[in-house]
Amino acid sequence: MSQAKPGDTVRMHYTGTLADGSTFDSSQGREPLEFTVGSGQIIPGLDSAVSGMEVGESKTVTVAPEQAYGDRDPARTQSVPREQIPEHIPTEPGTQLQVQTPEGQTIPVVVADVNDSEVTLDANHPLAGQELTFQVELVEIK
């Protein structure tokens, strides 16, 4: 039977969980995830784990932060004076917002903290710094 290799387009079902066992993403109830092995379309640790798998094979893969969304970077957290945020913008912790850089790039951020004088925004990926575990099943090699 053939094995998935870089350059192959594959389809897989997956469930991603955190260290506490909670599911952060899954293809259950949806079409399998389709991507090209080795193309950088998915996180590196999962991409490399699929290489060598055969259709119908299942396995559990644990991916370290540096092979997923990286470590949390304190430089990607910024406090903004509260008066600089328009009143119609929600500032409750956990709220997802988009900010624009001086260069015009749009960046997703999460309100991390709020006090009377400032709002702390976090531009780290929500899964940065976390070890991720995936249960994967290779469904098809195209």
N, C-alpha and C. Protein backbone atom coordinates (compact mmCIF):
# COMPACT_ATOMS: atom_id res chain seq x y z
N MET A 1 0.85 -1.18 0.00
CA MET A 1 0.00 0.00 0.00
C MET A 1 0.89 1.24 0.00
N SER A 2 0.44 2.30 -0.67
CA SER A 2 1.29 3.49 -0.76
C SER A 2 1.23 4.32 0.52
N GLN A 3 2.31 5.04 0.76
CA GLN A 3 2.42 5.89 1.93
C GLN A 3 2.41 7.35 1.49
N ALA A 4 1.85 8.21 2.34
CA ALA A 4 1.84 9.64 2.06
C ALA A 4 3.27 10.17 2.07
N LYS A 5 3.57 11.00 1.07
CA LYS A 5 4.91 11.58 0.99
C LYS A 5 4.79 13.05 0.58
N PRO A 6 5.85 13.83 0.80
CA PRO A 6 5.79 15.25 0.42
C PRO A 6 5.37 15.41 -1.04
N GLY A 7 4.45 16.34 -1.25
CA GLY A 7 3.91 16.60 -2.58
C GLY A 7 2.57 15.93 -2.83
N ASP A 8 2.23 14.90 -2.02
CA ASP A 8 0.93 14.23 -2.16
C ASP A 8 -0.17 15.10 -1.56
N THR A 9 -1.31 15.12 -2.21
CA THR A 9 -2.50 15.72 -1.62
C THR A 9 -3.23 14.62 -0.88
N VAL A 10 -3.47 14.86 0.41
CA VAL A 10 -4.09 13.85 1.26
C VAL A 10 -5.34 14.42 1.92
N ARG A 11 -6.16 13.51 2.42
CA ARG A 11 -7.33 13.89 3.22
C ARG A 11 -7.26 13.11 4.52
N MET A 12 -7.51 13.80 5.64
CA MET A 12 -7.47 13.11 6.92
C MET A 12 -8.55 13.66 7.85
N HIS A 13 -9.01 12.79 8.72
CA HIS A 13 -9.86 13.20 9.83
C HIS A 13 -8.96 13.39 11.03
N TYR A 14 -9.31 14.32 11.88
CA TYR A 14 -8.48 14.62 13.04
C TYR A 14 -9.31 15.16 14.18
N THR A 15 -8.80 15.00 15.38
CA THR A 15 -9.32 15.67 16.57
C THR A 15 -8.11 16.17 17.33
N GLY A 16 -8.10 17.48 17.61
CA GLY A 16 -7.01 18.09 18.35
C GLY A 16 -7.43 18.38 19.77
N THR A 17 -6.58 17.96 20.73
CA THR A 17 -6.89 18.19 22.13
C THR A 17 -5.72 18.87 22.83
N LEU A 18 -6.05 19.54 23.95
CA LEU A 18 -5.06 20.21 24.78
C LEU A 18 -4.63 19.28 25.91
N ALA A 19 -3.66 19.70 26.70
CA ALA A 19 -3.15 18.88 27.80
C ALA A 19 -4.23 18.49 28.80
N ASP A 20 -5.25 19.35 28.96
CA ASP A 20 -6.34 19.05 29.91
C ASP A 20 -7.40 18.11 29.32
N GLY A 21 -7.18 17.68 28.05
CA GLY A 21 -8.12 16.76 27.40
C GLY A 21 -9.23 17.44 26.62
N SER A 22 -9.33 18.76 26.71
CA SER A 22 -10.39 19.47 25.98
C SER A 22 -10.06 19.53 24.49
N THR A 23 -11.10 19.41 23.66
CA THR A 23 -10.95 19.45 22.21
C THR A 23 -10.95 20.89 21.74
N PHE A 24 -9.95 21.27 20.94
CA PHE A 24 -9.90 22.62 20.39
C PHE A 24 -10.30 22.66 18.92
N ASP A 25 -10.26 21.51 18.24
CA ASP A 25 -10.69 21.46 16.84
C ASP A 25 -10.88 20.01 16.44
N SER A 26 -11.78 19.79 15.49
CA SER A 26 -12.04 18.43 15.02
C SER A 26 -12.70 18.48 13.65
N SER A 27 -12.46 17.46 12.85
CA SER A 27 -13.13 17.35 11.56
C SER A 27 -14.39 16.49 11.66
N GLN A 28 -14.72 16.01 12.86
CA GLN A 28 -15.92 15.18 13.02
C GLN A 28 -17.15 15.94 12.55
N GLY A 29 -17.97 15.27 11.75
CA GLY A 29 -19.18 15.91 11.23
C GLY A 29 -18.92 16.79 10.03
N ARG A 30 -17.67 16.85 9.58
CA ARG A 30 -17.30 17.65 8.41
C ARG A 30 -16.53 16.78 7.43
N GLU A 31 -16.23 17.36 6.30
CA GLU A 31 -15.38 16.68 5.33
C GLU A 31 -13.97 16.56 5.93
N PRO A 32 -13.22 15.55 5.54
CA PRO A 32 -11.84 15.44 6.02
C PRO A 32 -11.03 16.67 5.58
N LEU A 33 -10.00 16.99 6.34
CA LEU A 33 -9.09 18.07 6.00
C LEU A 33 -8.25 17.62 4.81
N GLU A 34 -8.18 18.47 3.78
CA GLU A 34 -7.37 18.17 2.60
C GLU A 34 -6.21 19.15 2.53
N PHE A 35 -5.01 18.62 2.31
CA PHE A 35 -3.83 19.47 2.20
C PHE A 35 -2.74 18.71 1.44
N THR A 36 -1.72 19.44 1.03
CA THR A 36 -0.57 18.84 0.35
C THR A 36 0.55 18.66 1.37
N VAL A 37 1.00 17.43 1.52
CA VAL A 37 2.06 17.11 2.49
C VAL A 37 3.32 17.91 2.15
N GLY A 38 3.89 18.55 3.18
CA GLY A 38 5.13 19.29 3.01
C GLY A 38 4.99 20.68 2.44
N SER A 39 3.75 21.15 2.27
CA SER A 39 3.53 22.46 1.62
C SER A 39 3.43 23.62 2.60
N GLY A 40 3.38 23.31 3.92
CA GLY A 40 3.23 24.38 4.89
C GLY A 40 1.80 24.81 5.12
N GLN A 41 0.83 24.05 4.62
CA GLN A 41 -0.59 24.39 4.78
C GLN A 41 -1.10 24.12 6.18
N ILE A 42 -0.45 23.21 6.91
CA ILE A 42 -0.84 22.91 8.29
C ILE A 42 0.41 23.03 9.17
N ILE A 43 0.23 22.96 10.49
CA ILE A 43 1.38 23.12 11.39
C ILE A 43 2.44 22.06 11.09
N PRO A 44 3.72 22.42 11.22
CA PRO A 44 4.80 21.51 10.83
C PRO A 44 4.79 20.16 11.54
N GLY A 45 4.51 20.13 12.83
CA GLY A 45 4.55 18.87 13.57
C GLY A 45 3.51 17.87 13.10
N LEU A 46 2.36 18.36 12.70
CA LEU A 46 1.31 17.47 12.19
C LEU A 46 1.61 17.07 10.76
N ASP A 47 2.10 18.00 9.98
CA ASP A 47 2.46 17.73 8.58
C ASP A 47 3.49 16.60 8.51
N SER A 48 4.55 16.70 9.31
CA SER A 48 5.59 15.66 9.25
C SER A 48 5.07 14.32 9.76
N ALA A 49 4.12 14.32 10.69
CA ALA A 49 3.57 13.07 11.23
C ALA A 49 2.76 12.30 10.19
N VAL A 50 2.16 13.02 9.24
CA VAL A 50 1.33 12.38 8.22
C VAL A 50 2.20 11.69 7.17
N SER A 51 3.38 12.25 6.93
CA SER A 51 4.29 11.66 5.96
C SER A 51 4.62 10.24 6.40
N GLY A 52 4.44 9.28 5.51
CA GLY A 52 4.71 7.87 5.81
C GLY A 52 3.48 7.09 6.22
N MET A 53 2.35 7.78 6.47
CA MET A 53 1.13 7.06 6.84
C MET A 53 0.48 6.42 5.60
N GLU A 54 -0.24 5.33 5.82
CA GLU A 54 -0.99 4.66 4.76
C GLU A 54 -2.47 4.95 4.94
N VAL A 55 -3.23 4.87 3.86
CA VAL A 55 -4.68 5.08 3.91
C VAL A 55 -5.29 4.09 4.90
N GLY A 56 -6.15 4.59 5.78
CA GLY A 56 -6.79 3.77 6.79
C GLY A 56 -6.02 3.72 8.10
N GLU A 57 -4.77 4.17 8.09
CA GLU A 57 -3.96 4.16 9.31
C GLU A 57 -4.39 5.30 10.23
N SER A 58 -4.38 5.03 11.52
CA SER A 58 -4.67 6.03 12.54
C SER A 58 -3.51 6.10 13.51
N LYS A 59 -3.28 7.27 14.06
CA LYS A 59 -2.28 7.40 15.11
C LYS A 59 -2.52 8.66 15.92
N THR A 60 -1.88 8.68 17.08
CA THR A 60 -1.93 9.83 17.96
C THR A 60 -0.58 10.53 17.88
N VAL A 61 -0.62 11.84 17.70
CA VAL A 61 0.60 12.63 17.54
C VAL A 61 0.58 13.76 18.57
N THR A 62 1.66 13.92 19.32
CA THR A 62 1.80 15.04 20.23
C THR A 62 2.79 16.02 19.61
N VAL A 63 2.36 17.28 19.51
CA VAL A 63 3.14 18.31 18.83
C VAL A 63 3.56 19.38 19.83
N ALA A 64 4.86 19.59 19.94
CA ALA A 64 5.41 20.62 20.83
C ALA A 64 5.10 22.01 20.27
N PRO A 65 5.06 23.03 21.13
CA PRO A 65 4.73 24.39 20.67
C PRO A 65 5.58 24.86 19.49
N GLU A 66 6.89 24.55 19.51
CA GLU A 66 7.75 25.04 18.42
C GLU A 66 7.44 24.40 17.08
N GLN A 67 6.70 23.28 17.08
CA GLN A 67 6.26 22.64 15.83
C GLN A 67 4.78 22.89 15.55
N ALA A 68 4.18 23.79 16.37
CA ALA A 68 2.76 24.13 16.21
C ALA A 68 2.64 25.64 15.99
N TYR A 69 2.24 26.36 17.01
CA TYR A 69 2.01 27.80 16.88
C TYR A 69 3.07 28.63 17.60
N GLY A 70 4.17 27.98 18.00
CA GLY A 70 5.27 28.68 18.65
C GLY A 70 5.00 28.93 20.12
N ASP A 71 6.03 29.47 20.77
CA ASP A 71 5.90 29.84 22.17
C ASP A 71 5.18 31.18 22.27
N ARG A 72 4.60 31.45 23.42
CA ARG A 72 3.99 32.77 23.64
C ARG A 72 5.09 33.81 23.63
N ASP A 73 4.85 34.91 22.96
CA ASP A 73 5.83 35.99 22.83
C ASP A 73 5.31 37.22 23.56
N PRO A 74 5.94 37.58 24.69
CA PRO A 74 5.47 38.75 25.44
C PRO A 74 5.47 40.04 24.60
N ALA A 75 6.32 40.10 23.59
CA ALA A 75 6.37 41.28 22.73
C ALA A 75 5.10 41.44 21.89
N ARG A 76 4.30 40.37 21.79
CA ARG A 76 3.05 40.45 21.02
C ARG A 76 1.86 40.86 21.89
N THR A 77 2.16 41.30 23.12
CA THR A 77 1.14 41.80 24.04
C THR A 77 1.41 43.28 24.25
N GLN A 78 0.35 44.08 24.12
CA GLN A 78 0.53 45.53 24.24
C GLN A 78 -0.61 46.14 25.03
N SER A 79 -0.26 47.07 25.93
CA SER A 79 -1.28 47.81 26.67
C SER A 79 -1.54 49.12 25.94
N VAL A 80 -2.83 49.44 25.81
CA VAL A 80 -3.27 50.64 25.09
C VAL A 80 -4.06 51.50 26.07
N PRO A 81 -3.79 52.81 26.12
CA PRO A 81 -4.61 53.67 26.99
C PRO A 81 -6.09 53.51 26.63
N ARG A 82 -6.89 53.34 27.65
CA ARG A 82 -8.31 53.08 27.45
C ARG A 82 -8.99 54.15 26.60
N GLU A 83 -8.58 55.42 26.76
CA GLU A 83 -9.21 56.51 26.00
C GLU A 83 -8.91 56.44 24.50
N GLN A 84 -7.94 55.63 24.09
CA GLN A 84 -7.63 55.48 22.67
C GLN A 84 -8.55 54.46 21.97
N ILE A 85 -9.34 53.76 22.75
CA ILE A 85 -10.24 52.76 22.17
C ILE A 85 -11.64 53.36 22.12
N PRO A 86 -12.23 53.44 20.91
CA PRO A 86 -13.58 54.00 20.79
C PRO A 86 -14.58 53.29 21.70
N GLU A 87 -15.55 54.05 22.21
CA GLU A 87 -16.52 53.51 23.18
C GLU A 87 -17.34 52.35 22.64
N HIS A 88 -17.58 52.31 21.31
CA HIS A 88 -18.41 51.24 20.73
C HIS A 88 -17.65 49.91 20.59
N ILE A 89 -16.34 49.90 20.85
CA ILE A 89 -15.54 48.68 20.75
C ILE A 89 -15.62 47.94 22.08
N PRO A 90 -16.05 46.66 22.07
CA PRO A 90 -16.13 45.90 23.32
C PRO A 90 -14.73 45.62 23.88
N THR A 91 -14.59 45.71 25.19
CA THR A 91 -13.27 45.50 25.81
C THR A 91 -13.30 44.46 26.93
N GLU A 92 -14.28 43.58 26.93
CA GLU A 92 -14.32 42.53 27.93
C GLU A 92 -13.19 41.53 27.65
N PRO A 93 -12.49 41.05 28.69
CA PRO A 93 -11.44 40.04 28.47
C PRO A 93 -11.99 38.84 27.70
N GLY A 94 -11.19 38.39 26.73
CA GLY A 94 -11.59 37.27 25.88
C GLY A 94 -12.19 37.71 24.56
N THR A 95 -12.56 39.00 24.45
CA THR A 95 -13.14 39.51 23.20
C THR A 95 -12.09 39.49 22.10
N GLN A 96 -12.47 38.97 20.94
CA GLN A 96 -11.57 38.96 19.79
C GLN A 96 -11.81 40.22 18.96
N LEU A 97 -10.73 40.91 18.63
CA LEU A 97 -10.79 42.14 17.84
C LEU A 97 -9.77 42.06 16.72
N GLN A 98 -9.84 43.02 15.83
CA GLN A 98 -8.81 43.17 14.81
C GLN A 98 -8.26 44.58 14.91
N VAL A 99 -6.94 44.70 14.86
CA VAL A 99 -6.31 46.01 14.88
C VAL A 99 -5.51 46.18 13.60
N GLN A 100 -5.28 47.43 13.25
CA GLN A 100 -4.52 47.71 12.05
C GLN A 100 -3.16 48.31 12.44
N THR A 101 -2.11 47.77 11.86
CA THR A 101 -0.76 48.28 12.13
C THR A 101 -0.56 49.58 11.37
N PRO A 102 0.47 50.35 11.72
CA PRO A 102 0.76 51.58 10.97
C PRO A 102 1.00 51.31 9.47
N GLU A 103 1.42 50.07 9.15
CA GLU A 103 1.66 49.70 7.74
C GLU A 103 0.37 49.28 7.03
N GLY A 104 -0.74 49.23 7.76
CA GLY A 104 -2.02 48.88 7.16
C GLY A 104 -2.39 47.41 7.26
N GLN A 105 -1.54 46.61 7.90
CA GLN A 105 -1.83 45.18 8.06
C GLN A 105 -2.86 44.99 9.17
N THR A 106 -3.81 44.07 8.95
CA THR A 106 -4.82 43.74 9.97
C THR A 106 -4.34 42.54 10.76
N ILE A 107 -4.38 42.66 12.10
CA ILE A 107 -3.91 41.59 12.98
C ILE A 107 -5.03 41.24 13.97
N PRO A 108 -5.34 39.93 14.10
CA PRO A 108 -6.32 39.53 15.12
C PRO A 108 -5.68 39.61 16.51
N VAL A 109 -6.43 40.13 17.47
CA VAL A 109 -5.97 40.22 18.86
C VAL A 109 -7.10 39.79 19.78
N VAL A 110 -6.74 39.49 21.02
CA VAL A 110 -7.71 39.16 22.05
C VAL A 110 -7.49 40.12 23.20
N VAL A 111 -8.59 40.62 23.76
CA VAL A 111 -8.48 41.47 24.95
C VAL A 111 -8.05 40.55 26.09
N ALA A 112 -6.84 40.79 26.62
CA ALA A 112 -6.30 39.94 27.67
C ALA A 112 -6.64 40.46 29.05
N ASP A 113 -6.68 41.80 29.22
CA ASP A 113 -6.92 42.38 30.53
C ASP A 113 -7.43 43.80 30.35
N VAL A 114 -8.20 44.26 31.31
CA VAL A 114 -8.75 45.62 31.29
C VAL A 114 -8.68 46.18 32.70
N ASN A 115 -8.27 47.44 32.81
CA ASN A 115 -8.39 48.13 34.09
C ASN A 115 -8.88 49.55 33.80
N ASP A 116 -8.92 50.40 34.78
CA ASP A 116 -9.46 51.75 34.59
C ASP A 116 -8.69 52.59 33.59
N SER A 117 -7.40 52.31 33.44
CA SER A 117 -6.59 53.17 32.59
C SER A 117 -6.16 52.57 31.26
N GLU A 118 -6.13 51.23 31.16
CA GLU A 118 -5.67 50.64 29.91
C GLU A 118 -6.31 49.29 29.60
N VAL A 119 -6.17 48.92 28.31
CA VAL A 119 -6.66 47.63 27.81
C VAL A 119 -5.44 46.90 27.26
N THR A 120 -5.23 45.66 27.70
CA THR A 120 -4.10 44.87 27.22
C THR A 120 -4.59 43.95 26.11
N LEU A 121 -3.94 44.06 24.95
CA LEU A 121 -4.28 43.27 23.77
C LEU A 121 -3.19 42.24 23.52
N ASP A 122 -3.59 41.03 23.17
CA ASP A 122 -2.65 39.94 22.94
C ASP A 122 -2.78 39.46 21.50
N ALA A 123 -1.67 39.56 20.73
CA ALA A 123 -1.67 39.13 19.33
C ALA A 123 -1.08 37.74 19.14
N ASN A 124 -0.76 37.05 20.24
CA ASN A 124 -0.28 35.67 20.11
C ASN A 124 -1.42 34.80 19.59
N HIS A 125 -1.08 33.75 18.85
CA HIS A 125 -2.09 32.78 18.44
C HIS A 125 -2.68 32.18 19.72
N PRO A 126 -3.99 31.93 19.77
CA PRO A 126 -4.60 31.37 20.98
C PRO A 126 -3.97 30.06 21.46
N LEU A 127 -3.37 29.30 20.55
CA LEU A 127 -2.77 28.02 20.94
C LEU A 127 -1.25 28.13 21.11
N ALA A 128 -0.69 29.32 21.03
CA ALA A 128 0.76 29.50 21.22
C ALA A 128 1.16 29.03 22.61
N GLY A 129 2.30 28.37 22.67
CA GLY A 129 2.84 27.91 23.95
C GLY A 129 2.24 26.62 24.46
N GLN A 130 1.34 26.03 23.69
CA GLN A 130 0.67 24.81 24.18
C GLN A 130 1.10 23.58 23.38
N GLU A 131 1.25 22.47 24.11
CA GLU A 131 1.49 21.19 23.47
C GLU A 131 0.13 20.68 22.98
N LEU A 132 0.08 20.25 21.74
CA LEU A 132 -1.18 19.81 21.12
C LEU A 132 -1.11 18.32 20.81
N THR A 133 -2.21 17.63 21.04
CA THR A 133 -2.29 16.21 20.71
C THR A 133 -3.37 16.03 19.66
N PHE A 134 -3.03 15.28 18.63
CA PHE A 134 -3.96 15.02 17.53
C PHE A 134 -4.17 13.52 17.38
N GLN A 135 -5.43 13.13 17.25
CA GLN A 135 -5.78 11.79 16.83
C GLN A 135 -6.09 11.92 15.35
N VAL A 136 -5.31 11.27 14.48
CA VAL A 136 -5.48 11.43 13.04
C VAL A 136 -5.75 10.09 12.37
N GLU A 137 -6.52 10.16 11.30
CA GLU A 137 -6.77 8.99 10.45
C GLU A 137 -6.61 9.43 9.01
N LEU A 138 -5.69 8.81 8.28
CA LEU A 138 -5.50 9.15 6.88
C LEU A 138 -6.60 8.47 6.06
N VAL A 139 -7.40 9.28 5.40
CA VAL A 139 -8.56 8.79 4.67
C VAL A 139 -8.26 8.53 3.20
N GLU A 140 -7.41 9.37 2.61
CA GLU A 140 -7.18 9.27 1.17
C GLU A 140 -5.85 9.91 0.80
N ILE A 141 -5.16 9.29 -0.18
CA ILE A 141 -4.03 9.91 -0.86
C ILE A 141 -4.49 10.10 -2.30
N LYS A 142 -4.51 11.32 -2.75
CA LYS A 142 -5.02 11.59 -4.11
C LYS A 142 -3.92 11.43 -5.14
